[in-house]
Amino acid sequence: MLVAGYLGSLGVEGACGIVAATTEVQHGPELSETNMFDPKQPTRFQPGEGKTFTVGRMSMTFKTTAGENWNAYTVCEAIEPPQSGAGYHRHPTYDETFIICEGHYDFRLDGELLKLSPGDVVFVPRGTPHGFVSTGPEVGRQIIISSPGGVFDAMIAEVTMLDTGGPTRKASEEAKAIATKYGLEFLPT
């Protein structure tokens, strides 16, 4: 009940339906002023709706991002094919909550291996080492909430065209430099 209440306060409804507030939403290839939302107004997002980036083999759709006068959190829907995910890392500038909606994941949290499936929720306080891989056989889908907003989404927007590595492969030097700019540190596995 505590988790449900906490997620409800963040605007997450049900297992993985999204009801939240945002500063911008992309409904197609172009973002326009008519797509701008007041972050203090309730907004419903359909699956796949938002601003989408491709990072490696993953698709990340941001439902909310930081904006003028609002940076409480960022909500991202991540679609991860089997054997894709994020290598072991940490970041001192934001917390993350992972809500598994579909698929199965091996999630490494501060050295401990967790086997996650739909309905599992993991909270990662800033500075805590973590990483994950979608283990399949189905495609994984999770909701990632980062707080404060504006850090994770800005980094993803910047690295989207670079080789970001993966759970078993190192990122390019360019991607590492951008990650470092946002406080992300890659760790040995």
N, C-alpha and C. Protein backbone atom coordinates (compact mmCIF):
# COMPACT_ATOMS: atom_id res chain seq x y z
N MET A 1 0.83 -1.20 0.00
CA MET A 1 0.00 0.00 0.00
C MET A 1 0.87 1.26 0.00
N LEU A 2 1.97 1.22 0.75
CA LEU A 2 2.86 2.36 0.80
C LEU A 2 3.42 2.66 -0.59
N VAL A 3 3.88 1.60 -1.31
CA VAL A 3 4.41 1.79 -2.66
C VAL A 3 3.32 2.32 -3.58
N ALA A 4 2.12 1.74 -3.51
CA ALA A 4 1.02 2.20 -4.37
C ALA A 4 0.71 3.67 -4.09
N GLY A 5 0.68 4.05 -2.83
CA GLY A 5 0.41 5.44 -2.49
C GLY A 5 1.50 6.36 -2.98
N TYR A 6 2.76 5.92 -2.85
CA TYR A 6 3.88 6.72 -3.31
C TYR A 6 3.82 6.88 -4.83
N LEU A 7 3.59 5.77 -5.55
CA LEU A 7 3.51 5.85 -7.00
C LEU A 7 2.32 6.69 -7.44
N GLY A 8 1.21 6.57 -6.73
CA GLY A 8 0.05 7.39 -7.04
C GLY A 8 0.37 8.86 -6.89
N SER A 9 1.15 9.20 -5.85
CA SER A 9 1.51 10.60 -5.64
C SER A 9 2.43 11.11 -6.74
N LEU A 10 3.15 10.19 -7.40
CA LEU A 10 4.02 10.56 -8.51
C LEU A 10 3.28 10.58 -9.84
N GLY A 11 2.03 10.14 -9.84
CA GLY A 11 1.25 10.17 -11.06
C GLY A 11 1.26 8.86 -11.82
N VAL A 12 1.70 7.76 -11.20
CA VAL A 12 1.69 6.47 -11.88
C VAL A 12 0.46 5.72 -11.45
N GLU A 13 -0.33 5.28 -12.42
CA GLU A 13 -1.60 4.64 -12.14
C GLU A 13 -1.52 3.17 -12.52
N GLY A 14 -2.03 2.29 -11.65
CA GLY A 14 -2.07 0.87 -11.95
C GLY A 14 -0.68 0.29 -12.08
N ALA A 15 -0.57 -0.88 -12.71
CA ALA A 15 0.72 -1.53 -12.85
C ALA A 15 1.65 -0.71 -13.73
N CYS A 16 1.19 -0.28 -14.88
CA CYS A 16 2.08 0.49 -15.75
C CYS A 16 1.32 1.44 -16.65
N GLY A 17 0.10 1.83 -16.29
CA GLY A 17 -0.59 2.89 -17.01
C GLY A 17 0.00 4.20 -16.54
N ILE A 18 0.04 5.19 -17.38
CA ILE A 18 0.67 6.45 -17.04
C ILE A 18 -0.37 7.55 -16.96
N VAL A 19 -0.42 8.21 -15.83
CA VAL A 19 -1.19 9.43 -15.66
C VAL A 19 -0.25 10.38 -14.95
N ALA A 20 0.13 11.47 -15.59
CA ALA A 20 1.13 12.36 -15.01
C ALA A 20 0.99 13.75 -15.58
N ALA A 21 1.93 14.60 -15.22
CA ALA A 21 1.99 15.95 -15.77
C ALA A 21 3.30 16.07 -16.53
N THR A 22 3.32 16.91 -17.56
CA THR A 22 4.53 17.03 -18.36
C THR A 22 4.70 18.45 -18.86
N THR A 23 5.90 18.73 -19.34
CA THR A 23 6.16 20.03 -19.94
C THR A 23 6.18 19.96 -21.45
N GLU A 24 6.39 18.78 -22.03
CA GLU A 24 6.32 18.66 -23.48
C GLU A 24 6.01 17.22 -23.85
N VAL A 25 5.26 17.06 -24.91
CA VAL A 25 4.92 15.73 -25.41
C VAL A 25 5.03 15.76 -26.91
N GLN A 26 5.64 14.75 -27.48
CA GLN A 26 5.75 14.67 -28.92
C GLN A 26 4.75 13.65 -29.41
N HIS A 27 3.83 14.04 -30.26
CA HIS A 27 2.80 13.15 -30.80
C HIS A 27 3.14 12.69 -32.20
N GLY A 28 4.25 13.04 -32.72
CA GLY A 28 4.66 12.69 -34.06
C GLY A 28 6.07 13.16 -34.26
N PRO A 29 6.47 13.35 -35.48
CA PRO A 29 7.85 13.73 -35.72
C PRO A 29 8.21 15.14 -35.27
N GLU A 30 7.24 16.00 -35.07
CA GLU A 30 7.55 17.38 -34.70
C GLU A 30 6.92 17.74 -33.37
N LEU A 31 7.63 18.55 -32.62
CA LEU A 31 7.12 19.04 -31.34
C LEU A 31 6.67 20.47 -31.57
N SER A 32 5.46 20.79 -31.14
CA SER A 32 4.97 22.14 -31.36
C SER A 32 4.40 22.70 -30.07
N GLU A 33 4.13 23.98 -30.08
CA GLU A 33 3.56 24.64 -28.90
C GLU A 33 2.23 24.02 -28.51
N THR A 34 1.48 23.48 -29.47
CA THR A 34 0.19 22.88 -29.14
C THR A 34 0.35 21.58 -28.36
N ASN A 35 1.56 21.01 -28.37
CA ASN A 35 1.82 19.79 -27.63
C ASN A 35 2.31 20.07 -26.21
N MET A 36 2.48 21.33 -25.85
CA MET A 36 3.00 21.68 -24.54
C MET A 36 1.89 21.51 -23.49
N PHE A 37 2.26 20.96 -22.33
CA PHE A 37 1.30 20.74 -21.26
C PHE A 37 1.71 21.52 -20.04
N ASP A 38 0.75 21.94 -19.28
CA ASP A 38 1.00 22.60 -18.01
C ASP A 38 1.35 21.51 -17.00
N PRO A 39 2.53 21.56 -16.38
CA PRO A 39 2.94 20.50 -15.47
C PRO A 39 2.08 20.38 -14.22
N LYS A 40 1.21 21.32 -14.00
CA LYS A 40 0.33 21.25 -12.82
C LYS A 40 -1.05 20.70 -13.17
N GLN A 41 -1.23 20.28 -14.42
CA GLN A 41 -2.51 19.73 -14.87
C GLN A 41 -2.37 18.23 -15.11
N PRO A 42 -3.37 17.44 -14.70
CA PRO A 42 -3.31 16.00 -14.96
C PRO A 42 -3.29 15.74 -16.46
N THR A 43 -2.53 14.74 -16.86
CA THR A 43 -2.41 14.39 -18.26
C THR A 43 -2.32 12.88 -18.37
N ARG A 44 -2.99 12.32 -19.36
CA ARG A 44 -2.90 10.87 -19.60
C ARG A 44 -2.03 10.65 -20.83
N PHE A 45 -1.13 9.68 -20.73
CA PHE A 45 -0.26 9.31 -21.84
C PHE A 45 -0.57 7.88 -22.26
N GLN A 46 -0.79 7.68 -23.53
CA GLN A 46 -0.97 6.34 -24.07
C GLN A 46 0.41 5.68 -24.20
N PRO A 47 0.45 4.33 -24.24
CA PRO A 47 1.75 3.67 -24.45
C PRO A 47 2.43 4.21 -25.71
N GLY A 48 3.71 4.49 -25.59
CA GLY A 48 4.48 5.00 -26.71
C GLY A 48 4.36 6.49 -26.94
N GLU A 49 3.47 7.18 -26.22
CA GLU A 49 3.27 8.61 -26.41
C GLU A 49 4.27 9.38 -25.56
N GLY A 50 4.88 10.39 -26.13
CA GLY A 50 5.88 11.21 -25.46
C GLY A 50 7.02 11.49 -26.42
N LYS A 51 8.14 11.90 -25.89
CA LYS A 51 9.32 12.18 -26.72
C LYS A 51 10.22 10.95 -26.67
N THR A 52 10.42 10.30 -27.82
CA THR A 52 11.13 9.03 -27.88
C THR A 52 12.55 9.17 -28.42
N PHE A 53 13.47 8.46 -27.77
CA PHE A 53 14.86 8.38 -28.19
C PHE A 53 15.23 6.92 -28.32
N THR A 54 16.10 6.60 -29.27
CA THR A 54 16.66 5.27 -29.38
C THR A 54 18.08 5.33 -28.84
N VAL A 55 18.35 4.48 -27.87
CA VAL A 55 19.67 4.42 -27.25
C VAL A 55 20.13 2.98 -27.36
N GLY A 56 21.08 2.73 -28.25
CA GLY A 56 21.48 1.36 -28.52
C GLY A 56 20.29 0.60 -29.09
N ARG A 57 19.92 -0.51 -28.46
CA ARG A 57 18.76 -1.30 -28.90
C ARG A 57 17.50 -0.93 -28.12
N MET A 58 17.62 0.00 -27.17
CA MET A 58 16.49 0.38 -26.33
C MET A 58 15.75 1.57 -26.92
N SER A 59 14.46 1.63 -26.64
CA SER A 59 13.63 2.77 -27.00
C SER A 59 13.18 3.40 -25.68
N MET A 60 13.43 4.70 -25.53
CA MET A 60 13.08 5.39 -24.29
C MET A 60 12.14 6.55 -24.63
N THR A 61 10.92 6.48 -24.09
CA THR A 61 9.92 7.50 -24.34
C THR A 61 9.68 8.28 -23.06
N PHE A 62 10.02 9.57 -23.09
CA PHE A 62 9.87 10.42 -21.91
C PHE A 62 8.47 11.00 -21.88
N LYS A 63 7.77 10.71 -20.80
CA LYS A 63 6.41 11.20 -20.59
C LYS A 63 6.43 12.58 -19.95
N THR A 64 7.34 12.78 -19.02
CA THR A 64 7.51 14.08 -18.38
C THR A 64 8.98 14.42 -18.38
N THR A 65 9.27 15.70 -18.41
CA THR A 65 10.64 16.19 -18.29
C THR A 65 10.59 17.46 -17.47
N ALA A 66 11.75 17.91 -17.04
CA ALA A 66 11.82 19.16 -16.29
C ALA A 66 11.52 20.31 -17.24
N GLY A 67 10.96 21.34 -16.70
CA GLY A 67 10.67 22.53 -17.50
C GLY A 67 10.75 23.75 -16.62
N GLU A 68 10.45 24.87 -17.20
CA GLU A 68 10.46 26.11 -16.45
C GLU A 68 9.51 26.01 -15.26
N ASN A 69 10.01 26.30 -14.08
CA ASN A 69 9.24 26.29 -12.82
C ASN A 69 8.79 24.89 -12.37
N TRP A 70 9.39 23.84 -12.94
CA TRP A 70 8.99 22.49 -12.52
C TRP A 70 10.10 21.51 -12.86
N ASN A 71 10.60 20.78 -11.85
CA ASN A 71 11.62 19.76 -12.11
C ASN A 71 11.53 18.62 -11.11
N ALA A 72 10.34 18.33 -10.63
CA ALA A 72 10.17 17.33 -9.58
C ALA A 72 10.70 15.96 -9.98
N TYR A 73 10.37 15.50 -11.16
CA TYR A 73 10.78 14.17 -11.60
C TYR A 73 10.61 14.04 -13.11
N THR A 74 11.22 12.99 -13.65
CA THR A 74 11.06 12.62 -15.06
C THR A 74 10.49 11.22 -15.09
N VAL A 75 9.52 10.97 -15.97
CA VAL A 75 8.96 9.62 -16.15
C VAL A 75 9.31 9.17 -17.56
N CYS A 76 9.88 7.96 -17.65
CA CYS A 76 10.32 7.40 -18.92
C CYS A 76 9.79 5.97 -19.05
N GLU A 77 9.26 5.64 -20.23
CA GLU A 77 8.88 4.27 -20.55
C GLU A 77 10.00 3.70 -21.41
N ALA A 78 10.64 2.63 -20.93
CA ALA A 78 11.76 2.02 -21.65
C ALA A 78 11.36 0.66 -22.20
N ILE A 79 11.62 0.45 -23.48
CA ILE A 79 11.37 -0.83 -24.14
C ILE A 79 12.75 -1.44 -24.44
N GLU A 80 12.98 -2.65 -23.90
CA GLU A 80 14.31 -3.26 -24.01
C GLU A 80 14.23 -4.69 -24.53
N PRO A 81 14.77 -4.93 -25.73
CA PRO A 81 14.82 -6.29 -26.24
C PRO A 81 15.70 -7.16 -25.35
N PRO A 82 15.56 -8.48 -25.43
CA PRO A 82 16.43 -9.35 -24.64
C PRO A 82 17.92 -9.03 -24.86
N GLN A 83 18.65 -9.09 -23.77
CA GLN A 83 20.10 -8.84 -23.72
C GLN A 83 20.46 -7.37 -23.91
N SER A 84 19.51 -6.47 -23.76
CA SER A 84 19.82 -5.03 -23.75
C SER A 84 19.58 -4.51 -22.34
N GLY A 85 20.10 -3.35 -22.05
CA GLY A 85 19.92 -2.76 -20.73
C GLY A 85 20.98 -1.72 -20.46
N ALA A 86 21.29 -1.51 -19.19
CA ALA A 86 22.28 -0.51 -18.77
C ALA A 86 23.38 -1.19 -17.99
N GLY A 87 24.63 -0.91 -18.37
CA GLY A 87 25.77 -1.44 -17.64
C GLY A 87 25.83 -0.90 -16.22
N TYR A 88 26.67 -1.50 -15.41
CA TYR A 88 26.80 -1.13 -13.99
C TYR A 88 27.33 0.30 -13.89
N HIS A 89 26.62 1.15 -13.16
CA HIS A 89 26.96 2.56 -13.05
C HIS A 89 26.36 3.16 -11.78
N ARG A 90 26.69 4.41 -11.54
CA ARG A 90 26.05 5.17 -10.46
C ARG A 90 26.05 6.65 -10.85
N HIS A 91 25.17 7.40 -10.19
CA HIS A 91 25.08 8.83 -10.44
C HIS A 91 24.68 9.53 -9.14
N PRO A 92 25.43 10.56 -8.75
CA PRO A 92 25.17 11.24 -7.48
C PRO A 92 24.11 12.32 -7.56
N THR A 93 23.57 12.58 -8.76
CA THR A 93 22.70 13.75 -8.92
C THR A 93 21.21 13.44 -8.98
N TYR A 94 20.82 12.15 -9.06
CA TYR A 94 19.39 11.85 -9.09
C TYR A 94 19.12 10.43 -8.61
N ASP A 95 17.92 10.26 -8.03
CA ASP A 95 17.40 8.95 -7.61
C ASP A 95 16.63 8.36 -8.78
N GLU A 96 16.48 7.02 -8.78
CA GLU A 96 15.67 6.36 -9.80
C GLU A 96 14.78 5.30 -9.17
N THR A 97 13.59 5.16 -9.73
CA THR A 97 12.68 4.08 -9.37
C THR A 97 12.35 3.34 -10.66
N PHE A 98 12.49 2.01 -10.64
CA PHE A 98 12.22 1.17 -11.80
C PHE A 98 10.99 0.33 -11.51
N ILE A 99 10.00 0.38 -12.39
CA ILE A 99 8.78 -0.40 -12.25
C ILE A 99 8.72 -1.34 -13.45
N ILE A 100 8.81 -2.63 -13.19
CA ILE A 100 8.81 -3.61 -14.27
C ILE A 100 7.37 -3.88 -14.70
N CYS A 101 7.10 -3.63 -15.99
CA CYS A 101 5.76 -3.81 -16.54
C CYS A 101 5.64 -5.11 -17.33
N GLU A 102 6.65 -5.41 -18.11
CA GLU A 102 6.66 -6.61 -18.95
C GLU A 102 8.08 -7.16 -19.00
N GLY A 103 8.20 -8.46 -19.17
CA GLY A 103 9.50 -9.07 -19.34
C GLY A 103 10.16 -9.43 -18.02
N HIS A 104 11.40 -9.87 -18.14
CA HIS A 104 12.18 -10.29 -16.98
C HIS A 104 13.55 -9.62 -17.05
N TYR A 105 14.09 -9.28 -15.89
CA TYR A 105 15.34 -8.55 -15.81
C TYR A 105 16.24 -9.15 -14.75
N ASP A 106 17.55 -9.12 -15.03
CA ASP A 106 18.56 -9.30 -13.99
C ASP A 106 18.97 -7.89 -13.63
N PHE A 107 18.76 -7.52 -12.37
CA PHE A 107 19.02 -6.16 -11.91
C PHE A 107 20.08 -6.24 -10.82
N ARG A 108 21.20 -5.61 -11.05
CA ARG A 108 22.27 -5.59 -10.06
C ARG A 108 22.16 -4.31 -9.26
N LEU A 109 21.95 -4.44 -7.96
CA LEU A 109 21.74 -3.29 -7.07
C LEU A 109 22.75 -3.35 -5.94
N ASP A 110 23.71 -2.44 -5.97
CA ASP A 110 24.74 -2.35 -4.94
C ASP A 110 25.41 -3.71 -4.70
N GLY A 111 25.72 -4.40 -5.80
CA GLY A 111 26.41 -5.69 -5.73
C GLY A 111 25.51 -6.91 -5.62
N GLU A 112 24.24 -6.72 -5.33
CA GLU A 112 23.31 -7.84 -5.17
C GLU A 112 22.53 -8.05 -6.48
N LEU A 113 22.42 -9.32 -6.92
CA LEU A 113 21.67 -9.64 -8.13
C LEU A 113 20.21 -9.91 -7.78
N LEU A 114 19.30 -9.14 -8.39
CA LEU A 114 17.87 -9.33 -8.20
C LEU A 114 17.27 -9.85 -9.50
N LYS A 115 16.37 -10.83 -9.40
CA LYS A 115 15.64 -11.34 -10.56
C LYS A 115 14.28 -10.66 -10.54
N LEU A 116 14.01 -9.81 -11.53
CA LEU A 116 12.78 -9.02 -11.53
C LEU A 116 11.82 -9.48 -12.61
N SER A 117 10.53 -9.36 -12.30
CA SER A 117 9.46 -9.70 -13.24
C SER A 117 8.35 -8.67 -13.08
N PRO A 118 7.31 -8.72 -13.94
CA PRO A 118 6.25 -7.71 -13.89
C PRO A 118 5.69 -7.51 -12.48
N GLY A 119 5.58 -6.25 -12.10
CA GLY A 119 5.07 -5.87 -10.79
C GLY A 119 6.17 -5.52 -9.80
N ASP A 120 7.41 -5.94 -10.07
CA ASP A 120 8.51 -5.59 -9.17
C ASP A 120 8.86 -4.12 -9.30
N VAL A 121 9.23 -3.52 -8.17
CA VAL A 121 9.63 -2.11 -8.11
C VAL A 121 10.95 -2.04 -7.37
N VAL A 122 11.92 -1.30 -7.92
CA VAL A 122 13.22 -1.12 -7.28
C VAL A 122 13.48 0.38 -7.16
N PHE A 123 13.84 0.82 -5.96
CA PHE A 123 14.24 2.21 -5.74
C PHE A 123 15.76 2.25 -5.60
N VAL A 124 16.40 3.14 -6.36
CA VAL A 124 17.85 3.29 -6.34
C VAL A 124 18.18 4.71 -5.90
N PRO A 125 18.62 4.88 -4.64
CA PRO A 125 19.01 6.23 -4.19
C PRO A 125 20.25 6.72 -4.94
N ARG A 126 20.35 8.02 -5.13
CA ARG A 126 21.50 8.59 -5.83
C ARG A 126 22.80 8.07 -5.21
N GLY A 127 23.76 7.79 -6.08
CA GLY A 127 25.06 7.29 -5.64
C GLY A 127 25.16 5.78 -5.52
N THR A 128 24.04 5.06 -5.62
CA THR A 128 24.03 3.61 -5.46
C THR A 128 24.39 2.92 -6.78
N PRO A 129 25.38 2.02 -6.78
CA PRO A 129 25.71 1.29 -8.00
C PRO A 129 24.55 0.39 -8.43
N HIS A 130 24.28 0.40 -9.75
CA HIS A 130 23.20 -0.44 -10.29
C HIS A 130 23.37 -0.61 -11.79
N GLY A 131 22.69 -1.61 -12.33
CA GLY A 131 22.67 -1.88 -13.76
C GLY A 131 21.67 -3.00 -13.99
N PHE A 132 21.26 -3.18 -15.23
CA PHE A 132 20.25 -4.22 -15.50
C PHE A 132 20.36 -4.72 -16.92
N VAL A 133 19.81 -5.90 -17.13
CA VAL A 133 19.71 -6.46 -18.47
C VAL A 133 18.36 -7.15 -18.60
N SER A 134 17.69 -6.93 -19.73
CA SER A 134 16.43 -7.62 -20.04
C SER A 134 16.84 -9.05 -20.43
N THR A 135 16.31 -10.04 -19.72
CA THR A 135 16.75 -11.42 -19.92
C THR A 135 15.85 -12.22 -20.85
N GLY A 136 14.70 -11.65 -21.26
CA GLY A 136 13.84 -12.34 -22.22
C GLY A 136 13.13 -13.54 -21.64
N PRO A 137 12.56 -14.37 -22.47
CA PRO A 137 12.70 -14.33 -23.93
C PRO A 137 11.88 -13.20 -24.57
N GLU A 138 10.96 -12.61 -23.83
CA GLU A 138 10.14 -11.53 -24.38
C GLU A 138 10.85 -10.19 -24.23
N VAL A 139 10.35 -9.19 -24.93
CA VAL A 139 10.85 -7.83 -24.81
C VAL A 139 10.45 -7.30 -23.44
N GLY A 140 11.36 -6.59 -22.79
CA GLY A 140 11.07 -5.99 -21.49
C GLY A 140 10.53 -4.58 -21.64
N ARG A 141 9.69 -4.19 -20.69
CA ARG A 141 9.17 -2.81 -20.65
C ARG A 141 9.13 -2.38 -19.20
N GLN A 142 9.68 -1.21 -18.92
CA GLN A 142 9.66 -0.70 -17.56
C GLN A 142 9.41 0.81 -17.58
N ILE A 143 8.92 1.27 -16.46
CA ILE A 143 8.76 2.71 -16.24
C ILE A 143 9.90 3.12 -15.31
N ILE A 144 10.62 4.17 -15.71
CA ILE A 144 11.73 4.68 -14.91
C ILE A 144 11.37 6.09 -14.46
N ILE A 145 11.40 6.30 -13.16
CA ILE A 145 11.13 7.63 -12.59
C ILE A 145 12.44 8.14 -12.00
N SER A 146 12.90 9.28 -12.47
CA SER A 146 14.13 9.86 -11.93
C SER A 146 13.80 11.21 -11.29
N SER A 147 14.48 11.46 -10.15
CA SER A 147 14.20 12.69 -9.41
C SER A 147 15.49 13.25 -8.85
N PRO A 148 15.74 14.54 -9.05
CA PRO A 148 14.89 15.50 -9.72
C PRO A 148 14.89 15.27 -11.23
N GLY A 149 13.92 15.88 -11.89
CA GLY A 149 13.81 15.77 -13.33
C GLY A 149 14.84 16.64 -14.03
N GLY A 150 15.03 16.36 -15.30
CA GLY A 150 15.88 17.21 -16.11
C GLY A 150 17.32 16.75 -16.25
N VAL A 151 17.76 15.77 -15.48
CA VAL A 151 19.13 15.30 -15.57
C VAL A 151 19.19 14.08 -16.49
N PHE A 152 18.48 13.02 -16.14
CA PHE A 152 18.48 11.78 -16.93
C PHE A 152 18.01 12.04 -18.35
N ASP A 153 16.91 12.76 -18.50
CA ASP A 153 16.37 13.02 -19.84
C ASP A 153 17.30 13.88 -20.68
N ALA A 154 17.97 14.86 -20.07
CA ALA A 154 18.91 15.70 -20.81
C ALA A 154 20.10 14.87 -21.29
N MET A 155 20.59 13.97 -20.44
CA MET A 155 21.72 13.12 -20.82
C MET A 155 21.32 12.20 -21.98
N ILE A 156 20.15 11.56 -21.88
CA ILE A 156 19.70 10.66 -22.94
C ILE A 156 19.55 11.42 -24.26
N ALA A 157 18.99 12.62 -24.22
CA ALA A 157 18.83 13.42 -25.44
C ALA A 157 20.18 13.70 -26.08
N GLU A 158 21.21 13.87 -25.27
CA GLU A 158 22.53 14.18 -25.80
C GLU A 158 23.28 12.96 -26.34
N VAL A 159 23.09 11.80 -25.74
CA VAL A 159 23.86 10.62 -26.16
C VAL A 159 23.14 9.76 -27.20
N THR A 160 21.95 10.12 -27.57
CA THR A 160 21.13 9.25 -28.39
C THR A 160 21.76 8.83 -29.72
N MET A 161 22.63 9.61 -30.28
CA MET A 161 23.25 9.26 -31.56
C MET A 161 24.61 8.59 -31.40
N LEU A 162 25.04 8.33 -30.17
CA LEU A 162 26.37 7.77 -29.94
C LEU A 162 26.29 6.31 -29.52
N ASP A 163 27.44 5.61 -29.51
CA ASP A 163 27.52 4.23 -29.04
C ASP A 163 27.55 4.27 -27.52
N THR A 164 26.43 3.92 -26.90
CA THR A 164 26.32 3.99 -25.45
C THR A 164 26.68 2.68 -24.76
N GLY A 165 27.11 1.70 -25.51
CA GLY A 165 27.48 0.43 -24.90
C GLY A 165 26.26 -0.35 -24.47
N GLY A 166 26.41 -1.18 -23.48
CA GLY A 166 25.31 -2.00 -22.98
C GLY A 166 25.76 -2.77 -21.76
N PRO A 167 24.97 -3.75 -21.34
CA PRO A 167 25.31 -4.49 -20.13
C PRO A 167 26.67 -5.19 -20.21
N THR A 168 27.09 -5.59 -21.41
CA THR A 168 28.35 -6.34 -21.54
C THR A 168 29.36 -5.65 -22.45
N ARG A 169 29.07 -4.43 -22.89
CA ARG A 169 29.93 -3.72 -23.84
C ARG A 169 30.11 -2.28 -23.38
N LYS A 170 31.35 -1.79 -23.44
CA LYS A 170 31.65 -0.43 -22.99
C LYS A 170 31.11 0.62 -23.96
N ALA A 171 30.80 1.78 -23.41
CA ALA A 171 30.33 2.92 -24.20
C ALA A 171 31.51 3.56 -24.93
N SER A 172 31.21 4.31 -25.99
CA SER A 172 32.25 5.06 -26.71
C SER A 172 32.79 6.16 -25.81
N GLU A 173 33.96 6.66 -26.15
CA GLU A 173 34.57 7.74 -25.35
C GLU A 173 33.69 8.98 -25.36
N GLU A 174 33.06 9.27 -26.51
CA GLU A 174 32.15 10.43 -26.59
C GLU A 174 30.98 10.28 -25.63
N ALA A 175 30.36 9.09 -25.62
CA ALA A 175 29.22 8.83 -24.73
C ALA A 175 29.67 8.91 -23.27
N LYS A 176 30.85 8.40 -22.96
CA LYS A 176 31.37 8.47 -21.59
C LYS A 176 31.56 9.92 -21.15
N ALA A 177 32.06 10.76 -22.06
CA ALA A 177 32.27 12.17 -21.73
C ALA A 177 30.95 12.87 -21.41
N ILE A 178 29.92 12.59 -22.20
CA ILE A 178 28.61 13.18 -21.94
C ILE A 178 28.05 12.67 -20.61
N ALA A 179 28.16 11.36 -20.38
CA ALA A 179 27.68 10.78 -19.12
C ALA A 179 28.38 11.43 -17.93
N THR A 180 29.69 11.62 -18.04
CA THR A 180 30.46 12.25 -16.97
C THR A 180 29.97 13.67 -16.71
N LYS A 181 29.64 14.39 -17.76
CA LYS A 181 29.11 15.75 -17.64
C LYS A 181 27.86 15.78 -16.74
N TYR A 182 27.05 14.70 -16.80
CA TYR A 182 25.82 14.62 -16.01
C TYR A 182 26.02 13.85 -14.70
N GLY A 183 27.28 13.54 -14.35
CA GLY A 183 27.57 12.90 -13.09
C GLY A 183 27.50 11.38 -13.10
N LEU A 184 27.28 10.77 -14.26
CA LEU A 184 27.19 9.30 -14.32
C LEU A 184 28.60 8.72 -14.39
N GLU A 185 28.84 7.70 -13.56
CA GLU A 185 30.13 7.02 -13.53
C GLU A 185 29.92 5.56 -13.87
N PHE A 186 30.62 5.08 -14.91
CA PHE A 186 30.57 3.67 -15.26
C PHE A 186 31.46 2.90 -14.30
N LEU A 187 31.00 1.74 -13.85
CA LEU A 187 31.74 0.94 -12.87
C LEU A 187 32.13 -0.40 -13.47
N PRO A 188 33.22 -1.00 -12.96
CA PRO A 188 33.58 -2.34 -13.44
C PRO A 188 32.53 -3.34 -12.98
N THR A 189 32.30 -4.37 -13.80
CA THR A 189 31.28 -5.37 -13.43
C THR A 189 31.82 -6.43 -12.51
